[in-house]
Amino acid sequence: MAHKISDECISCGACVPECPVEAISEGDDKYKIDPDVCTDCGACVEVCPTEAISAE
């Protein structure tokens, strides 16, 4: 199950360098996680300052 980023995202980009498979990219109004690439490791969850990332 992939993680997803909610509307609480402030587009700070802290999660991007933490993703070991480069599944996170900048979207139109917030960052997004590609569910086909995400390995559900949770590294991004730990660094999100707004707790906008959670498991689907």
C-alpha atoms as a PDB file:
ATOM      1  CA  MET A   1       0.000   0.000   0.000  1.00  0.00           C
ATOM      2  CA  ALA A   2       1.501   3.323  -1.066  1.00  0.00           C
ATOM      3  CA  HIS A   3       1.593   6.485   0.999  1.00  0.00           C
ATOM      4  CA  LYS A   4      -0.272   9.613  -0.025  1.00  0.00           C
ATOM      5  CA  ILE A   5       0.114  13.325   0.618  1.00  0.00           C
ATOM      6  CA  SER A   6      -2.882  15.271   1.908  1.00  0.00           C
ATOM      7  CA  ASP A   7      -3.908  18.884   1.382  1.00  0.00           C
ATOM      8  CA  GLU A   8      -1.942  19.750   4.541  1.00  0.00           C
ATOM      9  CA  CYS A   9       1.203  19.687   2.352  1.00  0.00           C
ATOM     10  CA  ILE A  10       2.991  23.065   2.317  1.00  0.00           C
ATOM     11  CA  SER A  11       5.289  22.081  -0.596  1.00  0.00           C
ATOM     12  CA  CYS A  12       8.436  22.396   1.520  1.00  0.00           C
ATOM     13  CA  GLY A  13      10.122  19.489  -0.281  1.00  0.00           C
ATOM     14  CA  ALA A  14      11.553  17.886   2.873  1.00  0.00           C
ATOM     15  CA  CYS A  15      10.206  14.494   1.811  1.00  0.00           C
ATOM     16  CA  VAL A  16      11.828  14.371  -1.634  1.00  0.00           C
ATOM     17  CA  PRO A  17      15.435  13.568  -0.645  1.00  0.00           C
ATOM     18  CA  GLU A  18      14.229  10.959   1.873  1.00  0.00           C
ATOM     19  CA  CYS A  19      12.526   8.775  -0.743  1.00  0.00           C
ATOM     20  CA  PRO A  20      14.891   5.946  -1.727  1.00  0.00           C
ATOM     21  CA  VAL A  21      12.964   5.172  -4.935  1.00  0.00           C
ATOM     22  CA  GLU A  22      12.253   8.747  -6.075  1.00  0.00           C
ATOM     23  CA  ALA A  23       8.475   8.263  -5.932  1.00  0.00           C
ATOM     24  CA  ILE A  24       7.793  11.838  -4.757  1.00  0.00           C
ATOM     25  CA  SER A  25       7.503  14.724  -7.198  1.00  0.00           C
ATOM     26  CA  GLU A  26       6.201  18.264  -7.211  1.00  0.00           C
ATOM     27  CA  GLY A  27       2.557  18.552  -8.226  1.00  0.00           C
ATOM     28  CA  ASP A  28       0.467  21.580  -9.131  1.00  0.00           C
ATOM     29  CA  ASP A  29      -0.443  22.625  -5.591  1.00  0.00           C
ATOM     30  CA  LYS A  30       1.330  20.025  -3.424  1.00  0.00           C
ATOM     31  CA  TYR A  31       3.821  17.193  -3.722  1.00  0.00           C
ATOM     32  CA  LYS A  32       2.565  13.813  -4.888  1.00  0.00           C
ATOM     33  CA  ILE A  33       3.628  10.198  -4.470  1.00  0.00           C
ATOM     34  CA  ASP A  34       3.528   7.797  -7.399  1.00  0.00           C
ATOM     35  CA  PRO A  35       1.749   4.721  -5.978  1.00  0.00           C
ATOM     36  CA  ASP A  36       3.312   2.464  -8.613  1.00  0.00           C
ATOM     37  CA  VAL A  37       6.822   3.378  -7.442  1.00  0.00           C
ATOM     38  CA  CYS A  38       6.311   3.842  -3.678  1.00  0.00           C
ATOM     39  CA  THR A  39       7.661   0.926  -1.630  1.00  0.00           C
ATOM     40  CA  ASP A  40       5.806   1.951   1.543  1.00  0.00           C
ATOM     41  CA  CYS A  41       9.030   2.444   3.517  1.00  0.00           C
ATOM     42  CA  GLY A  42       7.679   5.429   5.471  1.00  0.00           C
ATOM     43  CA  ALA A  43      10.869   7.512   5.335  1.00  0.00           C
ATOM     44  CA  CYS A  44       8.911  10.513   4.070  1.00  0.00           C
ATOM     45  CA  VAL A  45       6.439  10.360   6.968  1.00  0.00           C
ATOM     46  CA  GLU A  46       9.197  10.947   9.518  1.00  0.00           C
ATOM     47  CA  VAL A  47      10.379  14.242   7.993  1.00  0.00           C
ATOM     48  CA  CYS A  48       7.062  15.881   7.068  1.00  0.00           C
ATOM     49  CA  PRO A  49       6.646  18.991   9.270  1.00  0.00           C
ATOM     50  CA  THR A  50       2.859  19.119   8.775  1.00  0.00           C
ATOM     51  CA  GLU A  51       2.185  15.374   9.076  1.00  0.00           C
ATOM     52  CA  ALA A  52       0.624  15.491   5.598  1.00  0.00           C
ATOM     53  CA  ILE A  53       1.885  12.034   4.567  1.00  0.00           C
ATOM     54  CA  SER A  54       0.093   8.854   5.571  1.00  0.00           C
ATOM     55  CA  ALA A  55      -0.519   5.327   4.377  1.00  0.00           C
ATOM     56  CA  GLU A  56      -3.488   4.993   2.038  1.00  0.00           C
END
